[in-house]
C-alpha atoms as a PDB file:
ATOM      1  CA  MET A   1     119.735  85.845  38.524  1.00  0.00           C
ATOM      2  CA  LYS A   2     116.399  83.891  37.717  1.00  0.00           C
ATOM      3  CA  SER A   3     118.342  80.577  38.167  1.00  0.00           C
ATOM      4  CA  PHE A   4     119.654  81.718  41.359  1.00  0.00           C
ATOM      5  CA  LEU A   5     116.115  82.427  42.707  1.00  0.00           C
ATOM      6  CA  ARG A   6     114.868  79.221  41.525  1.00  0.00           C
ATOM      7  CA  TRP A   7     117.751  77.349  43.420  1.00  0.00           C
ATOM      8  CA  VAL A   8     117.050  79.545  46.575  1.00  0.00           C
ATOM      9  CA  ASP A   9     113.294  78.619  46.297  1.00  0.00           C
ATOM     10  CA  ARG A  10     113.883  74.939  45.710  1.00  0.00           C
ATOM     11  CA  PHE A  11     116.335  74.902  48.714  1.00  0.00           C
ATOM     12  CA  CYS A  12     113.915  76.670  51.067  1.00  0.00           C
ATOM     13  CA  ALA A  13     110.989  74.280  50.004  1.00  0.00           C
ATOM     14  CA  ARG A  14     113.234  71.092  50.777  1.00  0.00           C
ATOM     15  CA  HIS A  15     114.341  72.743  53.875  1.00  0.00           C
ATOM     16  CA  PRO A  16     111.504  74.676  55.408  1.00  0.00           C
ATOM     17  CA  ARG A  17     113.083  74.612  58.913  1.00  0.00           C
ATOM     18  CA  PHE A  18     116.653  75.688  57.682  1.00  0.00           C
ATOM     19  CA  GLY A  19     117.914  78.556  59.730  1.00  0.00           C
ATOM     20  CA  VAL A  20     116.704  80.375  62.755  1.00  0.00           C
ATOM     21  CA  ASP A  21     112.950  81.259  63.475  1.00  0.00           C
ATOM     22  CA  ASP A  22     112.421  84.910  64.233  1.00  0.00           C
ATOM     23  CA  LEU A  23     116.037  85.557  63.205  1.00  0.00           C
ATOM     24  CA  MET A  24     115.577  89.336  63.308  1.00  0.00           C
ATOM     25  CA  LYS A  25     114.755  89.178  66.894  1.00  0.00           C
ATOM     26  CA  TYR A  26     117.901  87.666  68.239  1.00  0.00           C
ATOM     27  CA  LEU A  27     119.920  90.050  66.077  1.00  0.00           C
ATOM     28  CA  ILE A  28     118.165  92.996  67.415  1.00  0.00           C
ATOM     29  CA  ILE A  29     118.616  91.683  70.962  1.00  0.00           C
ATOM     30  CA  GLY A  30     122.316  91.404  70.319  1.00  0.00           C
ATOM     31  CA  ASN A  31     122.661  94.852  68.805  1.00  0.00           C
ATOM     32  CA  VAL A  32     120.852  96.325  71.865  1.00  0.00           C
ATOM     33  CA  VAL A  33     123.367  94.455  74.287  1.00  0.00           C
ATOM     34  CA  VAL A  34     126.410  95.691  72.135  1.00  0.00           C
ATOM     35  CA  LEU A  35     124.804  99.079  72.281  1.00  0.00           C
ATOM     36  CA  LEU A  36     124.564  99.149  75.976  1.00  0.00           C
ATOM     37  CA  LEU A  37     128.148  97.762  76.273  1.00  0.00           C
ATOM     38  CA  THR A  38     129.475 100.534  73.811  1.00  0.00           C
ATOM     39  CA  LEU A  39     127.794 103.262  75.660  1.00  0.00           C
ATOM     40  CA  MET A  40     129.681 102.268  78.807  1.00  0.00           C
ATOM     41  CA  ASP A  41     132.915 101.817  76.923  1.00  0.00           C
ATOM     42  CA  ARG A  42     134.312 105.104  75.891  1.00  0.00           C
ATOM     43  CA  THR A  43     137.498 103.729  74.399  1.00  0.00           C
ATOM     44  CA  GLY A  44     135.833 101.620  71.600  1.00  0.00           C
ATOM     45  CA  THR A  45     137.366  98.597  72.849  1.00  0.00           C
ATOM     46  CA  VAL A  46     133.980  96.270  72.441  1.00  0.00           C
ATOM     47  CA  GLU A  47     133.280  97.285  69.071  1.00  0.00           C
ATOM     48  CA  TYR A  48     137.039  96.903  67.990  1.00  0.00           C
ATOM     49  CA  TYR A  49     137.015  93.177  69.322  1.00  0.00           C
ATOM     50  CA  LEU A  50     133.566  92.437  67.436  1.00  0.00           C
ATOM     51  CA  ALA A  51     134.245  93.814  64.114  1.00  0.00           C
ATOM     52  CA  LEU A  52     135.139  91.806  61.163  1.00  0.00           C
ATOM     53  CA  ASP A  53     138.824  92.232  60.588  1.00  0.00           C
ATOM     54  CA  PRO A  54     140.334  89.608  58.340  1.00  0.00           C
ATOM     55  CA  ARG A  55     143.978  89.885  59.830  1.00  0.00           C
ATOM     56  CA  MET A  56     142.606  89.099  63.224  1.00  0.00           C
ATOM     57  CA  VAL A  57     140.360  86.263  62.057  1.00  0.00           C
ATOM     58  CA  LEU A  58     143.426  84.716  60.621  1.00  0.00           C
ATOM     59  CA  ARG A  59     145.020  85.019  64.025  1.00  0.00           C
ATOM     60  CA  GLY A  60     142.276  82.945  65.656  1.00  0.00           C
ATOM     61  CA  GLN A  61     139.608  85.470  66.373  1.00  0.00           C
ATOM     62  CA  ILE A  62     137.004  83.508  64.507  1.00  0.00           C
ATOM     63  CA  TRP A  63     134.112  84.904  66.637  1.00  0.00           C
ATOM     64  CA  ARG A  64     134.354  88.272  64.281  1.00  0.00           C
ATOM     65  CA  LEU A  65     132.832  86.345  61.424  1.00  0.00           C
ATOM     66  CA  VAL A  66     129.466  86.404  63.452  1.00  0.00           C
ATOM     67  CA  THR A  67     129.807  89.183  65.820  1.00  0.00           C
ATOM     68  CA  PHE A  68     130.162  92.018  63.169  1.00  0.00           C
ATOM     69  CA  ALA A  69     126.471  91.676  62.466  1.00  0.00           C
ATOM     70  CA  LEU A  70     125.722  92.536  65.985  1.00  0.00           C
ATOM     71  CA  ILE A  71     127.437  96.237  66.011  1.00  0.00           C
ATOM     72  CA  PRO A  72     124.917  98.961  66.045  1.00  0.00           C
ATOM     73  CA  GLN A  73     125.168 101.622  63.254  1.00  0.00           C
ATOM     74  CA  SER A  74     125.140 104.445  66.070  1.00  0.00           C
ATOM     75  CA  ARG A  75     126.505 104.666  69.599  1.00  0.00           C
ATOM     76  CA  SER A  76     123.458 106.979  70.640  1.00  0.00           C
ATOM     77  CA  LEU A  77     120.290 106.243  72.218  1.00  0.00           C
ATOM     78  CA  LEU A  78     118.900 107.104  68.847  1.00  0.00           C
ATOM     79  CA  ALA A  79     120.123 103.628  67.534  1.00  0.00           C
ATOM     80  CA  LEU A  80     117.115 102.046  69.276  1.00  0.00           C
ATOM     81  CA  LEU A  81     114.848 103.754  66.898  1.00  0.00           C
ATOM     82  CA  PHE A  82     116.822 102.438  63.885  1.00  0.00           C
ATOM     83  CA  LEU A  83     116.910  98.993  65.471  1.00  0.00           C
ATOM     84  CA  TYR A  84     113.002  99.026  66.104  1.00  0.00           C
ATOM     85  CA  PHE A  85     112.718  99.935  62.480  1.00  0.00           C
ATOM     86  CA  TYR A  86     114.881  97.313  61.088  1.00  0.00           C
ATOM     87  CA  TYR A  87     113.131  94.658  63.482  1.00  0.00           C
ATOM     88  CA  PHE A  88     109.892  95.683  61.633  1.00  0.00           C
ATOM     89  CA  ILE A  89     111.476  95.378  58.305  1.00  0.00           C
ATOM     90  CA  GLY A  90     113.137  91.953  58.992  1.00  0.00           C
ATOM     91  CA  THR A  91     109.824  90.449  60.380  1.00  0.00           C
ATOM     92  CA  SER A  92     107.978  91.779  57.507  1.00  0.00           C
ATOM     93  CA  LEU A  93     110.303  90.117  55.084  1.00  0.00           C
ATOM     94  CA  GLU A  94     110.293  86.757  56.842  1.00  0.00           C
ATOM     95  CA  ARG A  95     106.672  86.830  56.656  1.00  0.00           C
ATOM     96  CA  GLU A  96     106.816  87.458  52.845  1.00  0.00           C
ATOM     97  CA  TRP A  97     109.629  84.920  52.195  1.00  0.00           C
ATOM     98  CA  GLY A  98     109.298  82.412  55.095  1.00  0.00           C
ATOM     99  CA  SER A  99     111.946  81.972  57.624  1.00  0.00           C
ATOM    100  CA  ALA A 100     114.168  79.824  55.691  1.00  0.00           C
ATOM    101  CA  LYS A 101     114.561  82.359  52.561  1.00  0.00           C
ATOM    102  CA  PHE A 102     115.030  85.272  55.079  1.00  0.00           C
ATOM    103  CA  ASN A 103     117.737  83.420  56.610  1.00  0.00           C
ATOM    104  CA  VAL A 104     119.648  82.665  53.408  1.00  0.00           C
ATOM    105  CA  TYR A 105     119.235  86.492  52.479  1.00  0.00           C
ATOM    106  CA  VAL A 106     121.059  87.353  55.651  1.00  0.00           C
ATOM    107  CA  LEU A 107     123.445  84.843  55.583  1.00  0.00           C
ATOM    108  CA  SER A 108     124.465  85.374  51.925  1.00  0.00           C
ATOM    109  CA  GLY A 109     124.845  89.004  52.781  1.00  0.00           C
ATOM    110  CA  MET A 110     127.177  88.183  55.588  1.00  0.00           C
ATOM    111  CA  LEU A 111     129.136  85.926  53.295  1.00  0.00           C
ATOM    112  CA  PHE A 112     129.353  88.261  50.451  1.00  0.00           C
ATOM    113  CA  THR A 113     130.920  90.790  52.845  1.00  0.00           C
ATOM    114  CA  ILE A 114     133.178  88.339  54.425  1.00  0.00           C
ATOM    115  CA  LEU A 115     134.395  87.162  51.190  1.00  0.00           C
ATOM    116  CA  TYR A 116     135.084  90.516  49.881  1.00  0.00           C
ATOM    117  CA  CYS A 117     136.917  91.776  52.952  1.00  0.00           C
ATOM    118  CA  PHE A 118     139.359  88.739  52.816  1.00  0.00           C
ATOM    119  CA  ILE A 119     139.999  89.330  49.018  1.00  0.00           C
ATOM    120  CA  ALA A 120     140.795  92.934  49.656  1.00  0.00           C
ATOM    121  CA  TYR A 121     143.026  92.042  52.417  1.00  0.00           C
ATOM    122  CA  PHE A 122     145.013  89.349  50.334  1.00  0.00           C
ATOM    123  CA  ILE A 123     145.279  91.948  47.377  1.00  0.00           C
ATOM    124  CA  THR A 124     146.038  95.124  49.219  1.00  0.00           C
ATOM    125  CA  GLY A 125     147.635  93.704  52.290  1.00  0.00           C
ATOM    126  CA  ARG A 126     145.659  96.157  54.510  1.00  0.00           C
ATOM    127  CA  SER A 127     143.114  94.919  56.882  1.00  0.00           C
ATOM    128  CA  MET A 128     139.511  96.138  57.172  1.00  0.00           C
ATOM    129  CA  SER A 129     137.533  96.839  60.378  1.00  0.00           C
ATOM    130  CA  VAL A 130     133.881  96.279  59.148  1.00  0.00           C
ATOM    131  CA  ASN A 131     130.328  96.077  60.549  1.00  0.00           C
ATOM    132  CA  ALA A 132     127.071  95.056  59.167  1.00  0.00           C
ATOM    133  CA  GLU A 133     125.805  98.406  58.281  1.00  0.00           C
ATOM    134  CA  TYR A 134     125.334  97.863  54.768  1.00  0.00           C
ATOM    135  CA  ILE A 135     123.782  94.413  54.882  1.00  0.00           C
ATOM    136  CA  TYR A 136     121.055  96.021  57.086  1.00  0.00           C
ATOM    137  CA  LEU A 137     120.582  98.719  54.552  1.00  0.00           C
ATOM    138  CA  SER A 138     120.263  96.226  51.707  1.00  0.00           C
ATOM    139  CA  MET A 139     117.565  94.525  53.731  1.00  0.00           C
ATOM    140  CA  PHE A 140     115.646  97.922  53.685  1.00  0.00           C
ATOM    141  CA  PHE A 141     116.040  97.844  49.760  1.00  0.00           C
ATOM    142  CA  ALA A 142     114.401  94.382  49.677  1.00  0.00           C
ATOM    143  CA  PHE A 143     111.523  95.618  51.864  1.00  0.00           C
ATOM    144  CA  ALA A 144     111.066  98.705  49.685  1.00  0.00           C
ATOM    145  CA  ALA A 145     110.871  96.656  46.636  1.00  0.00           C
ATOM    146  CA  TYR A 146     107.979  94.461  48.031  1.00  0.00           C
ATOM    147  CA  TYR A 147     106.219  97.425  49.923  1.00  0.00           C
ATOM    148  CA  PRO A 148     107.057 100.524  47.865  1.00  0.00           C
ATOM    149  CA  ASP A 149     103.773 102.429  48.724  1.00  0.00           C
ATOM    150  CA  MET A 150     103.778 101.406  52.363  1.00  0.00           C
ATOM    151  CA  GLN A 151     103.612 104.734  54.517  1.00  0.00           C
ATOM    152  CA  VAL A 152     105.696 105.016  57.678  1.00  0.00           C
ATOM    153  CA  LEU A 153     106.147 107.766  60.236  1.00  0.00           C
ATOM    154  CA  LEU A 154     109.776 109.106  60.162  1.00  0.00           C
ATOM    155  CA  PHE A 155     110.739 109.896  63.890  1.00  0.00           C
ATOM    156  CA  PHE A 156     107.023 108.905  64.358  1.00  0.00           C
ATOM    157  CA  ILE A 157     105.937 112.504  62.845  1.00  0.00           C
ATOM    158  CA  ILE A 158     106.662 112.744  59.256  1.00  0.00           C
ATOM    159  CA  PRO A 159     104.512 110.489  56.936  1.00  0.00           C
ATOM    160  CA  LEU A 160     106.682 109.041  53.985  1.00  0.00           C
ATOM    161  CA  LYS A 161     106.318 106.285  51.763  1.00  0.00           C
ATOM    162  CA  VAL A 162     108.839 103.652  51.687  1.00  0.00           C
ATOM    163  CA  LYS A 163     110.144 104.046  48.155  1.00  0.00           C
ATOM    164  CA  TRP A 164     111.181 107.555  49.022  1.00  0.00           C
ATOM    165  CA  LEU A 165     113.213 106.550  51.748  1.00  0.00           C
ATOM    166  CA  ALA A 166     114.602 103.748  49.686  1.00  0.00           C
ATOM    167  CA  LEU A 167     115.722 106.556  47.224  1.00  0.00           C
ATOM    168  CA  VAL A 168     117.408 108.482  50.118  1.00  0.00           C
ATOM    169  CA  ASP A 169     119.054 105.056  50.977  1.00  0.00           C
ATOM    170  CA  ALA A 170     120.511 104.638  47.370  1.00  0.00           C
ATOM    171  CA  ALA A 171     121.611 108.202  47.440  1.00  0.00           C
ATOM    172  CA  PHE A 172     123.642 107.224  50.711  1.00  0.00           C
ATOM    173  CA  PHE A 173     124.884 104.107  49.181  1.00  0.00           C
ATOM    174  CA  LEU A 174     126.392 106.241  46.076  1.00  0.00           C
ATOM    175  CA  MET A 175     127.697 108.814  48.413  1.00  0.00           C
ATOM    176  CA  SER A 176     129.645 106.226  50.279  1.00  0.00           C
ATOM    177  CA  ILE A 177     131.116 104.819  47.081  1.00  0.00           C
ATOM    178  CA  PHE A 178     132.512 108.138  46.190  1.00  0.00           C
ATOM    179  CA  THR A 179     133.754 109.297  49.460  1.00  0.00           C
ATOM    180  CA  SER A 180     134.981 106.331  51.215  1.00  0.00           C
ATOM    181  CA  PRO A 181     138.574 105.174  50.787  1.00  0.00           C
ATOM    182  CA  PHE A 182     139.238 102.000  48.958  1.00  0.00           C
ATOM    183  CA  PRO A 183     138.559  99.234  49.779  1.00  0.00           C
ATOM    184  CA  TYR A 184     135.689 100.309  51.938  1.00  0.00           C
ATOM    185  CA  SER A 185     134.200 102.192  48.986  1.00  0.00           C
ATOM    186  CA  LEU A 186     133.028  98.932  47.487  1.00  0.00           C
ATOM    187  CA  LEU A 187     131.445  97.581  50.373  1.00  0.00           C
ATOM    188  CA  PRO A 188     128.011  99.362  49.085  1.00  0.00           C
ATOM    189  CA  LEU A 189     128.394  97.383  46.036  1.00  0.00           C
ATOM    190  CA  VAL A 190     128.709  94.163  47.753  1.00  0.00           C
ATOM    191  CA  ALA A 191     125.426  94.496  49.568  1.00  0.00           C
ATOM    192  CA  THR A 192     123.598  95.696  46.398  1.00  0.00           C
ATOM    193  CA  ALA A 193     124.790  92.710  44.713  1.00  0.00           C
ATOM    194  CA  ASN A 194     123.091  90.593  47.343  1.00  0.00           C
ATOM    195  CA  PHE A 195     119.784  92.820  47.046  1.00  0.00           C
ATOM    196  CA  LEU A 196     119.587  92.223  43.243  1.00  0.00           C
ATOM    197  CA  LEU A 197     120.189  88.555  43.494  1.00  0.00           C
ATOM    198  CA  PHE A 198     117.109  88.037  45.563  1.00  0.00           C
ATOM    199  CA  CYS A 199     114.990  91.216  44.327  1.00  0.00           C
ATOM    200  CA  GLY A 200     116.549  92.188  41.066  1.00  0.00           C
ATOM    201  CA  ASP A 201     113.836  89.875  39.222  1.00  0.00           C
ATOM    202  CA  LEU A 202     110.904  91.743  41.009  1.00  0.00           C
ATOM    203  CA  LEU A 203     112.474  95.274  40.541  1.00  0.00           C
ATOM    204  CA  PHE A 204     112.981  94.907  36.703  1.00  0.00           C
ATOM    205  CA  SER A 205     109.962  92.496  36.241  1.00  0.00           C
ATOM    206  CA  GLY A 206     107.631  95.373  34.827  1.00  0.00           C
ATOM    207  CA  PHE A 207     110.176  96.132  32.181  1.00  0.00           C
ATOM    208  CA  SER A 208     110.668  92.617  30.725  1.00  0.00           C
ATOM    209  CA  PRO A 209     109.165  91.220  27.609  1.00  0.00           C
ATOM    210  CA  GLU A 210     107.633  88.321  29.499  1.00  0.00           C
ATOM    211  CA  SER A 211     106.007  91.008  31.902  1.00  0.00           C
ATOM    212  CA  PHE A 212     104.242  92.509  28.750  1.00  0.00           C
ATOM    213  CA  ARG A 213     103.082  89.036  27.685  1.00  0.00           C
ATOM    214  CA  ARG A 214     101.591  88.052  30.897  1.00  0.00           C
ATOM    215  CA  ARG A 215      99.715  91.208  30.911  1.00  0.00           C
ATOM    216  CA  LYS A 216      98.213  90.261  27.765  1.00  0.00           C
ATOM    217  CA  LYS A 217      97.348  86.851  28.688  1.00  0.00           C
ATOM    218  CA  ALA A 218      95.933  87.790  32.504  1.00  0.00           C
ATOM    219  CA  ALA A 219      93.073  85.702  33.148  1.00  0.00           C
ATOM    220  CA  ASN A 220      89.937  87.455  33.785  1.00  0.00           C
ATOM    221  CA  PHE A 221      89.381  87.453  37.461  1.00  0.00           C
ATOM    222  CA  ARG A 222      85.560  87.325  37.660  1.00  0.00           C
ATOM    223  CA  ARG A 223      85.758  84.323  35.157  1.00  0.00           C
ATOM    224  CA  GLU A 224      88.198  82.395  37.260  1.00  0.00           C
ATOM    225  CA  ALA A 225      86.479  83.232  40.333  1.00  0.00           C
ATOM    226  CA  SER A 226      83.430  81.733  38.944  1.00  0.00           C
ATOM    227  CA  ARG A 227      85.159  78.531  38.004  1.00  0.00           C
ATOM    228  CA  ILE A 228      86.806  78.058  41.399  1.00  0.00           C
ATOM    229  CA  ARG A 229      83.426  78.530  42.896  1.00  0.00           C
ATOM    230  CA  ALA A 230      81.960  75.887  40.698  1.00  0.00           C
ATOM    231  CA  GLU A 231      84.688  73.425  41.436  1.00  0.00           C
ATOM    232  CA  GLN A 232      84.041  74.069  45.102  1.00  0.00           C
ATOM    233  CA  ARG A 233      80.375  73.319  44.891  1.00  0.00           C
ATOM    234  CA  ASN A 234      81.207  70.047  43.266  1.00  0.00           C
ATOM    235  CA  ALA A 235      84.021  69.104  45.538  1.00  0.00           C
ATOM    236  CA  PRO A 236      83.542  67.576  49.137  1.00  0.00           C
ATOM    237  CA  TYR A 237      85.848  70.199  50.512  1.00  0.00           C
ATOM    238  CA  ARG A 238      86.480  74.026  49.785  1.00  0.00           C
ATOM    239  CA  PHE A 239      90.337  74.314  50.021  1.00  0.00           C
ATOM    240  CA  GLN A 240      93.119  71.967  49.108  1.00  0.00           C
ATOM    241  CA  CYS A 241      96.806  72.733  49.550  1.00  0.00           C
ATOM    242  CA  ALA A 242      98.793  71.987  46.283  1.00  0.00           C
ATOM    243  CA  VAL A 243     101.674  70.591  48.078  1.00  0.00           C
ATOM    244  CA  CYS A 244     100.443  68.124  50.501  1.00  0.00           C
ATOM    245  CA  GLY A 245      96.986  67.594  49.317  1.00  0.00           C
ATOM    246  CA  ARG A 246      95.450  68.167  52.847  1.00  0.00           C
ATOM    247  CA  THR A 247      92.001  69.963  52.650  1.00  0.00           C
ATOM    248  CA  ASP A 248      89.720  71.929  55.207  1.00  0.00           C
ATOM    249  CA  VAL A 249      87.831  68.839  55.570  1.00  0.00           C
ATOM    250  CA  SER A 250      90.505  66.462  56.489  1.00  0.00           C
ATOM    251  CA  ASN A 251      92.288  68.952  58.644  1.00  0.00           C
ATOM    252  CA  PRO A 252      89.968  71.799  59.723  1.00  0.00           C
ATOM    253  CA  GLU A 253      92.615  73.089  62.114  1.00  0.00           C
ATOM    254  CA  LEU A 254      94.703  74.610  59.204  1.00  0.00           C
ATOM    255  CA  GLU A 255      94.499  77.721  57.410  1.00  0.00           C
ATOM    256  CA  PHE A 256      94.425  78.038  53.665  1.00  0.00           C
ATOM    257  CA  ARG A 257      95.567  80.866  51.367  1.00  0.00           C
ATOM    258  CA  TYR A 258      96.159  81.768  47.746  1.00  0.00           C
ATOM    259  CA  CYS A 259      99.597  82.382  46.528  1.00  0.00           C
ATOM    260  CA  SER A 260      99.580  85.834  44.858  1.00  0.00           C
ATOM    261  CA  LYS A 261     103.110  84.967  43.067  1.00  0.00           C
ATOM    262  CA  CYS A 262     101.812  81.843  41.553  1.00  0.00           C
ATOM    263  CA  GLN A 263     100.472  82.033  37.906  1.00  0.00           C
ATOM    264  CA  GLY A 264      96.907  80.908  38.225  1.00  0.00           C
ATOM    265  CA  TYR A 265      95.023  80.377  41.338  1.00  0.00           C
ATOM    266  CA  HIS A 266      96.703  77.833  43.768  1.00  0.00           C
ATOM    267  CA  CYS A 267      95.822  77.298  47.261  1.00  0.00           C
ATOM    268  CA  PHE A 268      98.383  76.216  49.994  1.00  0.00           C
ATOM    269  CA  CYS A 269      98.016  75.258  53.744  1.00  0.00           C
ATOM    270  CA  GLN A 270      99.632  77.465  56.518  1.00  0.00           C
ATOM    271  CA  ASP A 271     102.645  75.075  56.375  1.00  0.00           C
ATOM    272  CA  HIS A 272     103.384  75.648  52.513  1.00  0.00           C
ATOM    273  CA  ILE A 273     102.114  79.144  51.730  1.00  0.00           C
ATOM    274  CA  ASN A 274     105.698  80.346  52.229  1.00  0.00           C
ATOM    275  CA  ASN A 275     107.673  77.237  51.373  1.00  0.00           C
ATOM    276  CA  HIS A 276     106.673  75.988  47.982  1.00  0.00           C
ATOM    277  CA  ILE A 277     107.958  76.375  44.260  1.00  0.00           C
ATOM    278  CA  HIS A 278     105.766  78.776  42.560  1.00  0.00           C
ATOM    279  CA  PHE A 279     103.553  77.618  39.583  1.00  0.00           C
ATOM    280  CA  THR A 280     104.809  79.155  36.415  1.00  0.00           C
ATOM    281  CA  GLN A 281     101.922  78.098  34.271  1.00  0.00           C
END
């Protein structure tokens, strides 16, 4: 898991422009368009021709490998509320991870789903018709792992913390595993595997021996703040990016921030705050 995350971080640091900026915006626009089409189509033809179906893909309908991610979870206008919520989740994760890593997360979820559907088809001989419902739900799991105490208004009325909604999401996953027929019953596990690969380290980090050692060796914040202020007084600049070396003097138009995930206190410019390999010592 850690080696996979290190590989993803290195890949994103070397390819900061990988993928599509504001990917969630385009996914939501596609979902809205498909929702309007399905509301006008009472026969379900639109959804049928967009869903992931391995048998039909092998017959040449390769667009299904992409369009299954554009099928909304509901055919009612209530789906617009869920799409707004997923847009909020996706843009928050993109700000947290950077555009490249968020694209890798979404694409890996789609790839795992596609691989599982084809494997199940070749083993059982029965084709599946699948949308991206569990991919979006696993995205919510990732959001809850980073912002567990954030409060949201359910239906714009009921205040709830994200971690409680995540427990409801987990219960839905378990119910789907036990109530759905095979091979549909394993789709939630595929989505959960994607979440654990990207966020499992964060989810279980508080129980690891390394976490307890880090807590014992945690730097005194006031002492570190005093040291940084002393260094800044002696330096001809206030901020310097740990990746590219640019400073607030040489490039006053840049914004500089400290990374909360790096060990120690390391400053980065706006181009590298979300695209760097985290310091471990």
